[in-house]
């Protein structure tokens, strides 16, 4: 989320309102349109205020054509109605809204079962505003468990905790390490390996390691990290050294894809070393932003001292979250999606999305100008770069030109050790149909003759050309 500053220079130019705009407003003459950077002296009618905001938002991109974002951009109208009915309910106020709280509890139970918790009734979890908050909570639990294990020497000894992860992690993990004063130990990319190497991760662990993060679905290229191999490497480490390092699986995207399409991939609570898992309900959980989920395999994995109990809203409510007040609408929408689709419905939706991704990746490769890094056969996401013989344009030129047709496709460089590699990434979601994919590849093919005629890549300011959106 960008940080915004107030307007730096005085600007009293008002928003433009013509005499036929909206309704006649008895409190404000139509010639006295409201200012942009200070509160107006008088109110507007609802219709006029709506039209002003609505018109300015027309300049935003079309979310359905945004192939950068992982978040859900389409839901059924019935889900929207339910969300509208619940937007005024404060999720934290479980005593006043007990049925909303019950739907949250059911969602946690469903996820515990989906992720093969050894005893789903013993698993604990909560909803969050998204995976970023869920990761913060999981990280805090790892740090507190580490401190408890080392109570005899911490904090008396000047020991700084560390967290091991691949350099491809989502930025929320870097935030966690910064905010909670944990050393981030990152496994670099090497060659054509674009995510964590299990053995390299184990070698970075020591007595101050609070845990290792495995990513089920890298935002850089859509690939799964080998969580089972990671756990095996940490099992071997424990045999050699006695170090017992827990694993958190960041399943922001893959946590709602693999259970339905990749049942043979073992990554979840079937692995005893996996202590916690998070996912984004608003990604492949098929809910509008913002809802996430954090689950721990049992109560021992979530230290009780991190759970707060409050009674000033009525009742005795345990809560573990960074946010306090937030709407219950997204949690209700998650329950709606679980109820509406079931396992088979989710499988059909995710398979359809993966089919679109793999076919589209093949069509892009067939154009001849691009080299695929991934093919959309794990997450429905694929990354590609220009072929070695292409010298007249680069991925940033492609991204800039696609934007002219309304397509938002991020171009970005990979992290250290592969900063030489710049790619485009396409995220396929429910609602990005085979028809839209066909239109996309047609627009891309239509641009290529002009791009090939360029004398050299034209996008000088790579950072401004496009962003890397998660």
Protein backbone atom coordinates (compact mmCIF):
# COMPACT_ATOMS: atom_id res chain seq x y z
CA UNK A 1 0.00 0.00 0.00
CA UNK A 2 1.57 3.33 -1.02
CA UNK A 3 2.15 6.04 1.52
CA UNK A 4 0.38 9.27 0.68
CA UNK A 5 1.34 12.76 1.73
CA UNK A 6 -0.91 15.75 1.93
CA UNK A 7 -0.95 18.19 -0.94
CA UNK A 8 2.38 20.00 -0.86
CA UNK A 9 1.43 23.23 -2.66
CA UNK A 10 -1.66 25.34 -2.13
CA UNK A 11 -4.18 24.49 -4.81
CA UNK A 12 -7.63 25.95 -4.47
CA UNK A 13 -8.83 24.81 -7.87
CA UNK A 14 -12.19 23.17 -7.22
CA UNK A 15 -13.55 19.98 -8.70
CA UNK A 16 -15.39 20.90 -11.89
CA UNK A 17 -19.18 20.74 -11.70
CA UNK A 18 -21.40 21.99 -14.52
CA UNK A 19 -25.00 23.16 -13.99
CA UNK A 20 -26.54 19.86 -15.14
CA UNK A 21 -24.27 17.71 -12.98
CA UNK A 22 -26.06 15.73 -10.28
CA UNK A 23 -28.91 17.33 -8.39
CA UNK A 24 -29.59 20.93 -7.55
CA UNK A 25 -28.03 21.45 -4.11
CA UNK A 26 -29.69 24.05 -1.92
CA UNK A 27 -26.64 24.31 0.33
CA UNK A 28 -24.06 24.85 -2.37
CA UNK A 29 -24.35 26.85 -5.57
CA UNK A 30 -23.32 24.72 -8.54
CA UNK A 31 -20.71 27.29 -9.43
CA UNK A 32 -19.03 26.68 -6.09
CA UNK A 33 -17.78 23.17 -6.62
CA UNK A 34 -16.06 21.50 -3.65
CA UNK A 35 -12.28 21.85 -3.22
CA UNK A 36 -9.99 18.84 -3.65
CA UNK A 37 -7.62 19.18 -0.72
CA UNK A 38 -9.66 20.55 2.16
CA UNK A 39 -13.11 19.90 3.51
CA UNK A 40 -15.82 21.97 1.87
CA UNK A 41 -17.77 24.39 3.99
CA UNK A 42 -21.12 22.84 3.07
CA UNK A 43 -22.42 19.36 2.19
CA UNK A 44 -23.35 18.01 -1.23
CA UNK A 45 -26.33 15.91 -2.11
CA UNK A 46 -25.64 12.16 -2.19
CA UNK A 47 -26.10 12.01 -5.97
CA UNK A 48 -23.61 14.80 -6.66
CA UNK A 49 -21.02 13.39 -4.26
CA UNK A 50 -21.43 9.93 -5.80
CA UNK A 51 -21.03 11.24 -9.34
CA UNK A 52 -17.86 13.17 -8.50
CA UNK A 53 -16.20 10.12 -6.98
CA UNK A 54 -17.56 7.74 -9.62
CA UNK A 55 -16.24 9.83 -12.50
CA UNK A 56 -12.75 10.13 -11.05
CA UNK A 57 -12.57 6.35 -10.51
CA UNK A 58 -13.31 5.78 -14.21
CA UNK A 59 -9.61 6.47 -14.79
CA UNK A 60 -8.63 3.35 -12.82
CA UNK A 61 -7.70 0.23 -14.74
CA UNK A 62 -10.24 -2.54 -15.32
CA UNK A 63 -9.69 -5.10 -12.55
CA UNK A 64 -10.84 -7.97 -14.76
CA UNK A 65 -8.03 -7.18 -17.22
CA UNK A 66 -5.45 -6.89 -14.43
CA UNK A 67 -3.18 -9.90 -14.99
CA UNK A 68 -0.81 -8.69 -12.26
CA UNK A 69 -3.04 -9.14 -9.24
CA UNK A 70 -3.71 -12.43 -7.49
CA UNK A 71 -6.83 -11.15 -5.74
CA UNK A 72 -10.33 -12.16 -6.76
CA UNK A 73 -11.98 -9.74 -9.19
CA UNK A 74 -15.29 -11.56 -9.76
CA UNK A 75 -17.87 -13.17 -7.49
CA UNK A 76 -21.46 -14.20 -7.99
CA UNK A 77 -24.09 -11.51 -7.36
CA UNK A 78 -25.50 -13.47 -4.43
CA UNK A 79 -22.14 -13.20 -2.66
CA UNK A 80 -22.19 -9.45 -3.20
CA UNK A 81 -25.65 -9.24 -1.63
CA UNK A 82 -24.49 -11.17 1.43
CA UNK A 83 -21.44 -8.93 1.78
CA UNK A 84 -23.64 -5.84 1.60
CA UNK A 85 -25.82 -7.26 4.35
CA UNK A 86 -22.80 -7.84 6.63
CA UNK A 87 -20.58 -4.83 5.97
CA UNK A 88 -21.81 -3.07 9.13
CA UNK A 89 -21.00 -6.01 11.42
CA UNK A 90 -17.77 -5.70 13.37
CA UNK A 91 -16.01 -9.06 13.10
CA UNK A 92 -14.40 -8.70 16.51
CA UNK A 93 -17.73 -8.30 18.30
CA UNK A 94 -18.46 -12.01 18.57
CA UNK A 95 -20.89 -11.65 21.44
CA UNK A 96 -23.18 -9.33 19.45
CA UNK A 97 -22.77 -11.20 16.16
CA UNK A 98 -22.55 -14.84 17.26
CA UNK A 99 -23.64 -16.32 13.92
CA UNK A 100 -20.93 -14.44 12.04
CA UNK A 101 -18.45 -15.76 14.61
CA UNK A 102 -19.83 -19.27 14.07
CA UNK A 103 -19.29 -18.99 10.31
CA UNK A 104 -15.67 -17.99 10.96
CA UNK A 105 -15.25 -21.03 13.23
CA UNK A 106 -16.70 -23.31 10.55
CA UNK A 107 -14.30 -21.92 7.94
CA UNK A 108 -11.35 -22.65 10.24
CA UNK A 109 -12.63 -26.21 10.74
CA UNK A 110 -13.07 -26.70 7.00
CA UNK A 111 -9.52 -25.49 6.31
CA UNK A 112 -8.10 -27.73 9.05
CA UNK A 113 -9.78 -30.69 7.37
CA UNK A 114 -8.72 -29.55 3.89
CA UNK A 115 -5.10 -29.22 5.03
CA UNK A 116 -5.07 -32.63 6.71
CA UNK A 117 -4.60 -31.55 10.32
CA UNK A 118 -3.99 -34.74 12.36
CA UNK A 119 -6.95 -33.81 14.58
CA UNK A 120 -9.02 -31.08 12.88
CA UNK A 121 -10.91 -30.44 16.11
CA UNK A 122 -7.60 -29.62 17.85
CA UNK A 123 -6.36 -27.21 15.18
CA UNK A 124 -6.72 -23.52 15.99
CA UNK A 125 -6.99 -20.60 13.61
CA UNK A 126 -8.51 -17.27 12.83
CA UNK A 127 -9.50 -15.02 9.96
CA UNK A 128 -7.34 -12.03 9.08
CA UNK A 129 -7.46 -9.13 6.64
CA UNK A 130 -5.21 -11.09 4.27
CA UNK A 131 -2.11 -13.25 4.12
CA UNK A 132 0.16 -10.41 5.19
CA UNK A 133 -1.52 -10.24 8.60
CA UNK A 134 -1.70 -14.03 8.75
CA UNK A 135 2.06 -14.25 8.13
CA UNK A 136 2.73 -11.68 10.85
CA UNK A 137 0.70 -13.76 13.32
CA UNK A 138 2.44 -16.99 12.31
CA UNK A 139 5.83 -15.31 12.60
CA UNK A 140 5.02 -13.98 16.06
CA UNK A 141 4.01 -17.47 17.19
CA UNK A 142 7.30 -18.88 15.86
CA UNK A 143 9.31 -16.21 17.65
CA UNK A 144 7.47 -16.68 20.96
CA UNK A 145 7.91 -20.46 20.81
CA UNK A 146 11.62 -19.97 20.15
CA UNK A 147 11.92 -17.60 23.11
CA UNK A 148 10.07 -20.08 25.34
CA UNK A 149 12.36 -22.93 24.25
CA UNK A 150 15.37 -20.77 25.07
CA UNK A 151 14.04 -19.18 28.27
CA UNK A 152 17.11 -20.27 30.21
CA UNK A 153 19.41 -18.15 28.07
CA UNK A 154 17.13 -15.57 26.50
CA UNK A 155 16.94 -12.59 26.85
CA UNK A 156 19.85 -12.66 29.28
CA UNK A 157 22.09 -13.68 26.43
CA UNK A 158 22.26 -11.27 23.51
CA UNK A 159 20.76 -13.68 21.01
CA UNK A 160 19.04 -12.33 17.91
CA UNK A 161 16.41 -14.64 16.42
CA UNK A 162 16.48 -15.39 12.70
CA UNK A 163 14.00 -16.67 10.13
CA UNK A 164 15.13 -18.67 7.08
CA UNK A 165 13.33 -18.23 3.76
CA UNK A 166 13.91 -18.01 0.03
CA UNK A 167 14.72 -14.65 -1.53
CA UNK A 168 11.47 -15.04 -3.48
CA UNK A 169 9.20 -14.55 -0.45
CA UNK A 170 6.41 -12.00 -0.51
CA UNK A 171 7.42 -8.66 0.96
CA UNK A 172 5.27 -9.26 4.06
CA UNK A 173 8.00 -11.58 5.40
CA UNK A 174 10.61 -8.86 5.05
CA UNK A 175 8.20 -6.56 6.89
CA UNK A 176 7.78 -9.12 9.65
CA UNK A 177 11.53 -9.40 10.16
CA UNK A 178 11.88 -5.62 10.17
CA UNK A 179 8.95 -4.90 12.50
CA UNK A 180 9.67 -7.71 14.98
CA UNK A 181 13.48 -7.45 14.93
CA UNK A 182 14.21 -10.83 13.43
CA UNK A 183 17.19 -11.44 11.15
CA UNK A 184 16.05 -12.47 7.67
CA UNK A 185 18.28 -15.24 6.30
CA UNK A 186 17.44 -15.66 2.64
CA UNK A 187 18.40 -18.46 0.30
CA UNK A 188 19.39 -16.86 -3.02
CA UNK A 189 18.25 -17.93 -6.47
CA UNK A 190 20.73 -19.91 -8.52
CA UNK A 191 20.57 -20.51 -12.28
CA UNK A 192 17.13 -21.83 -13.20
CA UNK A 193 16.15 -22.45 -9.56
CA UNK A 194 13.90 -19.53 -8.71
CA UNK A 195 12.94 -20.51 -5.17
CA UNK A 196 14.32 -21.99 -1.96
CA UNK A 197 16.75 -24.91 -1.99
CA UNK A 198 15.96 -27.23 0.97
CA UNK A 199 19.55 -28.14 1.79
CA UNK A 200 20.73 -24.54 1.56
CA UNK A 201 17.90 -23.52 3.89
CA UNK A 202 18.89 -26.16 6.45
CA UNK A 203 22.49 -24.95 6.36
CA UNK A 204 21.38 -21.45 7.33
CA UNK A 205 19.66 -22.69 10.49
CA UNK A 206 21.19 -22.50 13.97
CA UNK A 207 20.05 -22.41 17.59
CA UNK A 208 18.51 -18.96 17.08
CA UNK A 209 16.37 -19.94 14.07
CA UNK A 210 12.68 -19.51 14.91
CA UNK A 211 11.53 -21.34 11.79
CA UNK A 212 11.78 -21.80 8.04
CA UNK A 213 9.17 -20.46 5.60
CA UNK A 214 8.16 -22.55 2.61
CA UNK A 215 6.16 -20.91 -0.17
CA UNK A 216 3.42 -22.90 -1.84
CA UNK A 217 3.20 -20.81 -4.96
CA UNK A 218 5.89 -18.20 -5.54
CA UNK A 219 4.63 -14.80 -6.59
CA UNK A 220 7.62 -14.46 -8.91
CA UNK A 221 6.82 -17.37 -11.22
CA UNK A 222 3.94 -19.42 -9.76
CA UNK A 223 6.07 -22.45 -8.81
CA UNK A 224 5.63 -24.54 -5.65
CA UNK A 225 8.53 -24.79 -3.24
CA UNK A 226 9.38 -28.41 -2.25
CA UNK A 227 7.97 -28.31 1.28
CA UNK A 228 8.33 -32.06 1.85
CA UNK A 229 12.01 -31.95 0.84
CA UNK A 230 12.48 -28.95 3.12
CA UNK A 231 11.03 -30.87 6.06
CA UNK A 232 13.24 -33.86 5.23
CA UNK A 233 16.34 -31.63 5.22
CA UNK A 234 15.33 -30.23 8.62
CA UNK A 235 14.70 -33.78 9.91
CA UNK A 236 18.26 -34.68 8.94
CA UNK A 237 19.51 -31.48 10.59
CA UNK A 238 17.79 -32.47 13.84
CA UNK A 239 19.35 -35.92 13.72
CA UNK A 240 22.81 -34.38 13.35
CA UNK A 241 22.54 -31.44 15.72
CA UNK A 242 19.42 -31.79 17.85
CA UNK A 243 17.97 -28.56 16.43
CA UNK A 244 14.19 -28.87 16.07
CA UNK A 245 13.18 -26.17 13.54
CA UNK A 246 9.47 -25.74 12.73
CA UNK A 247 8.16 -24.90 9.26
CA UNK A 248 5.49 -22.38 8.33
CA UNK A 249 3.91 -22.82 4.91
CA UNK A 250 2.91 -19.60 3.20
CA UNK A 251 0.09 -20.96 1.08
CA UNK A 252 -1.27 -17.53 0.18
CA UNK A 253 -2.20 -18.85 -3.26
CA UNK A 254 -1.31 -22.54 -3.43
CA UNK A 255 -3.09 -23.37 -0.19
CA UNK A 256 -6.36 -23.10 -2.11
CA UNK A 257 -5.10 -24.75 -5.31
CA UNK A 258 -2.99 -27.78 -4.34
CA UNK A 259 -5.64 -29.51 -2.16
CA UNK A 260 -7.96 -29.71 -5.18
CA UNK A 261 -5.57 -30.25 -8.09
CA UNK A 262 -2.39 -31.71 -6.59
CA UNK A 263 -3.52 -34.15 -3.91
CA UNK A 264 -0.32 -36.18 -4.27
CA UNK A 265 1.85 -33.16 -3.37
CA UNK A 266 2.54 -33.43 0.37
CA UNK A 267 3.01 -29.94 1.79
CA UNK A 268 0.50 -29.49 4.63
CA UNK A 269 -0.12 -30.79 8.16
CA UNK A 270 0.60 -34.32 6.95
CA UNK A 271 4.21 -33.27 7.55
CA UNK A 272 4.75 -33.27 11.34
CA UNK A 273 7.26 -30.42 11.06
CA UNK A 274 4.65 -28.04 9.59
CA UNK A 275 3.46 -25.97 12.55
CA UNK A 276 1.27 -23.43 10.76
CA UNK A 277 -0.20 -22.51 7.39
CA UNK A 278 -1.72 -19.35 5.98
CA UNK A 279 -3.76 -18.64 2.89
CA UNK A 280 -5.53 -15.70 1.25
CA UNK A 281 -9.24 -16.23 1.03
CA UNK A 282 -9.26 -13.31 -1.38
CA UNK A 283 -6.93 -15.02 -3.85
CA UNK A 284 -7.71 -18.56 -4.96
CA UNK A 285 -10.11 -18.80 -2.04
CA UNK A 286 -12.38 -16.92 -4.48
CA UNK A 287 -13.47 -14.05 -2.21
CA UNK A 288 -13.20 -10.30 -2.82
CA UNK A 289 -10.40 -8.55 -0.83
CA UNK A 290 -9.63 -8.72 2.01
CA UNK A 291 -9.71 -11.94 4.00
CA UNK A 292 -6.95 -14.33 4.95
CA UNK A 293 -6.60 -17.32 7.25
CA UNK A 294 -3.96 -18.51 9.70
CA UNK A 295 -4.06 -22.03 11.15
CA UNK A 296 -1.87 -23.87 13.65
CA UNK A 297 -1.78 -27.65 13.83
CA UNK A 298 -2.64 -27.65 17.57
CA UNK A 299 -2.88 -25.38 20.60
CA UNK A 300 0.76 -26.03 21.52
CA UNK A 301 1.83 -24.39 18.25
CA UNK A 302 0.11 -21.11 19.18
CA UNK A 303 1.36 -19.83 22.56
CA UNK A 304 -1.59 -18.97 24.79
CA UNK A 305 0.03 -15.72 25.93
CA UNK A 306 -0.46 -14.31 22.42
CA UNK A 307 -4.24 -14.69 22.67
CA UNK A 308 -6.00 -11.72 24.26
CA UNK A 309 -9.34 -11.85 25.98
CA UNK A 310 -11.60 -8.81 26.12
CA UNK A 311 -15.00 -8.34 27.72
CA UNK A 312 -15.86 -4.70 27.17
CA UNK A 313 -17.91 -5.49 24.05
CA UNK A 314 -19.86 -8.08 26.03
CA UNK A 315 -18.91 -11.69 26.69
CA UNK A 316 -15.43 -13.22 26.95
CA UNK A 317 -13.82 -13.07 23.53
CA UNK A 318 -10.40 -14.57 22.75
CA UNK A 319 -8.75 -12.69 19.91
CA UNK A 320 -5.46 -13.05 18.09
CA UNK A 321 -5.10 -10.45 15.36
CA UNK A 322 -3.26 -7.25 14.54
CA UNK A 323 -6.50 -5.56 13.58
CA UNK A 324 -9.41 -5.14 15.94
CA UNK A 325 -12.40 -3.66 14.15
CA UNK A 326 -13.09 -5.01 10.66
CA UNK A 327 -16.21 -5.99 8.73
CA UNK A 328 -17.56 -9.52 8.80
CA UNK A 329 -18.55 -9.35 5.13
CA UNK A 330 -15.50 -11.14 3.72
CA UNK A 331 -15.69 -13.97 6.26
CA UNK A 332 -19.35 -14.49 5.38
CA UNK A 333 -18.41 -14.48 1.68
CA UNK A 334 -15.74 -17.12 2.38
CA UNK A 335 -18.30 -19.35 4.06
CA UNK A 336 -20.66 -18.75 1.12
CA UNK A 337 -17.96 -19.90 -1.32
CA UNK A 338 -17.15 -23.01 0.74
CA UNK A 339 -20.86 -23.84 1.00
CA UNK A 340 -21.61 -23.00 -2.63
CA UNK A 341 -18.76 -24.93 -4.26
CA UNK A 342 -17.66 -27.74 -1.97
CA UNK A 343 -14.58 -29.76 -2.88
CA UNK A 344 -15.77 -30.67 -6.36
CA UNK A 345 -16.80 -27.12 -7.19
CA UNK A 346 -13.42 -25.75 -6.12
CA UNK A 347 -11.69 -28.48 -8.12
CA UNK A 348 -13.64 -27.57 -11.25
CA UNK A 349 -12.97 -23.84 -10.86
CA UNK A 350 -9.25 -24.27 -10.18
CA UNK A 351 -8.83 -26.82 -12.97
CA UNK A 352 -10.53 -24.51 -15.43
CA UNK A 353 -8.24 -21.67 -14.37
CA UNK A 354 -5.16 -23.87 -14.69
CA UNK A 355 -6.31 -25.03 -18.14
CA UNK A 356 -6.59 -21.40 -19.27
CA UNK A 357 -3.11 -20.66 -17.88
CA UNK A 358 -1.37 -23.63 -19.52
CA UNK A 359 -3.06 -23.09 -22.90
CA UNK A 360 -2.26 -19.39 -22.83
CA UNK A 361 1.35 -20.09 -21.90
CA UNK A 362 1.60 -22.42 -24.89
CA UNK A 363 0.12 -19.77 -27.19
CA UNK A 364 2.62 -17.17 -25.94
CA UNK A 365 5.52 -19.57 -26.48
CA UNK A 366 4.27 -20.33 -30.00
CA UNK A 367 4.65 -16.66 -30.96
CA UNK A 368 8.40 -17.34 -31.13
CA UNK A 369 9.59 -14.15 -29.40
CA UNK A 370 9.35 -15.41 -25.82
CA UNK A 371 10.84 -18.03 -23.52
CA UNK A 372 8.68 -19.52 -20.76
CA UNK A 373 10.06 -19.85 -17.24
CA UNK A 374 6.95 -21.58 -15.94
CA UNK A 375 3.86 -22.95 -17.67
CA UNK A 376 1.00 -22.39 -15.24
CA UNK A 377 0.87 -26.07 -14.26
CA UNK A 378 1.26 -25.40 -10.52
CA UNK A 379 -0.30 -22.08 -9.64
CA UNK A 380 -2.37 -20.91 -12.65
CA UNK A 381 0.43 -18.38 -13.18
CA UNK A 382 3.25 -18.28 -15.67
CA UNK A 383 6.29 -16.09 -16.21
CA UNK A 384 8.10 -15.49 -19.48
CA UNK A 385 10.88 -13.38 -20.89
CA UNK A 386 12.07 -12.38 -24.34
CA UNK A 387 13.97 -14.97 -26.36
CA UNK A 388 17.78 -14.53 -26.56
CA UNK A 389 17.64 -13.39 -30.18
CA UNK A 390 15.19 -10.56 -29.41
CA UNK A 391 17.17 -7.32 -29.10
CA UNK A 392 14.85 -4.60 -30.39
CA UNK A 393 12.56 -4.61 -27.34
CA UNK A 394 12.38 -5.95 -23.80
CA UNK A 395 9.71 -7.06 -21.36
CA UNK A 396 9.18 -3.49 -20.14
CA UNK A 397 8.30 -2.39 -23.67
CA UNK A 398 5.82 -5.25 -23.91
CA UNK A 399 4.19 -4.32 -20.62
CA UNK A 400 3.93 -0.67 -21.62
CA UNK A 401 2.36 -1.46 -24.99
CA UNK A 402 -0.10 -4.00 -23.56
CA UNK A 403 -1.31 -1.32 -21.15
CA UNK A 404 -2.45 0.70 -24.18
CA UNK A 405 -5.01 -2.04 -24.82
CA UNK A 406 -6.12 -2.18 -21.18
CA UNK A 407 -4.05 -5.23 -20.16
CA UNK A 408 -2.08 -4.80 -16.94
CA UNK A 409 0.86 -7.22 -17.07
CA UNK A 410 3.75 -6.63 -14.64
CA UNK A 411 7.34 -6.58 -15.86
CA UNK A 412 10.06 -6.85 -13.21
CA UNK A 413 13.55 -8.08 -12.47
CA UNK A 414 14.25 -11.10 -10.29
CA UNK A 415 16.02 -10.78 -6.90
CA UNK A 416 19.78 -10.90 -6.23
CA UNK A 417 21.78 -13.55 -8.06
CA UNK A 418 19.29 -13.35 -10.96
CA UNK A 419 18.87 -9.60 -11.30
CA UNK A 420 19.94 -10.11 -14.91
CA UNK A 421 16.56 -11.74 -15.57
CA UNK A 422 13.56 -9.54 -16.37
CA UNK A 423 10.20 -11.19 -16.92
CA UNK A 424 6.50 -10.70 -17.51
CA UNK A 425 4.02 -12.58 -15.36
CA UNK A 426 0.41 -13.52 -16.14
CA UNK A 427 -1.92 -14.45 -13.27
CA UNK A 428 -5.02 -16.36 -14.37
CA UNK A 429 -7.98 -16.16 -12.03
CA UNK A 430 -11.60 -17.24 -11.95
CA UNK A 431 -13.32 -14.85 -14.37
CA UNK A 432 -10.35 -14.70 -16.75
CA UNK A 433 -11.99 -16.91 -19.34
CA UNK A 434 -10.61 -18.74 -22.36
CA UNK A 435 -12.23 -16.03 -24.51
CA UNK A 436 -10.39 -13.26 -22.66
CA UNK A 437 -7.16 -15.24 -22.91
CA UNK A 438 -7.67 -15.47 -26.69
CA UNK A 439 -8.17 -11.70 -26.89
CA UNK A 440 -5.01 -11.19 -24.83
CA UNK A 441 -2.78 -13.30 -27.06
CA UNK A 442 -4.26 -11.65 -30.17
CA UNK A 443 -3.40 -8.21 -28.80
CA UNK A 444 0.09 -9.39 -27.90
CA UNK A 445 0.65 -10.85 -31.38
CA UNK A 446 -0.62 -7.61 -32.96
CA UNK A 447 2.03 -5.60 -31.12
CA UNK A 448 5.01 -7.73 -32.13
CA UNK A 449 5.62 -6.36 -35.68
CA UNK A 450 5.93 -2.81 -34.29
CA UNK A 451 8.11 -3.93 -31.40
CA UNK A 452 10.41 -5.83 -33.76
CA UNK A 453 10.92 -2.66 -35.82
CA UNK A 454 12.24 -0.70 -32.84
CA UNK A 455 15.94 0.14 -33.01
CA UNK A 456 16.39 -0.84 -29.37
CA UNK A 457 14.34 -1.15 -26.15
CA UNK A 458 12.60 2.16 -25.54
CA UNK A 459 11.48 2.02 -21.93
CA UNK A 460 14.26 3.83 -20.12
CA UNK A 461 12.65 4.18 -16.69
CA UNK A 462 12.09 0.52 -15.86
CA UNK A 463 10.69 1.23 -12.41
CA UNK A 464 8.06 3.60 -13.78
CA UNK A 465 7.14 1.34 -16.67
CA UNK A 466 5.14 -1.01 -14.51
CA UNK A 467 5.09 -2.39 -11.01
CA UNK A 468 5.54 -5.85 -9.56
CA UNK A 469 2.12 -6.51 -8.03
CA UNK A 470 1.32 -9.48 -5.84
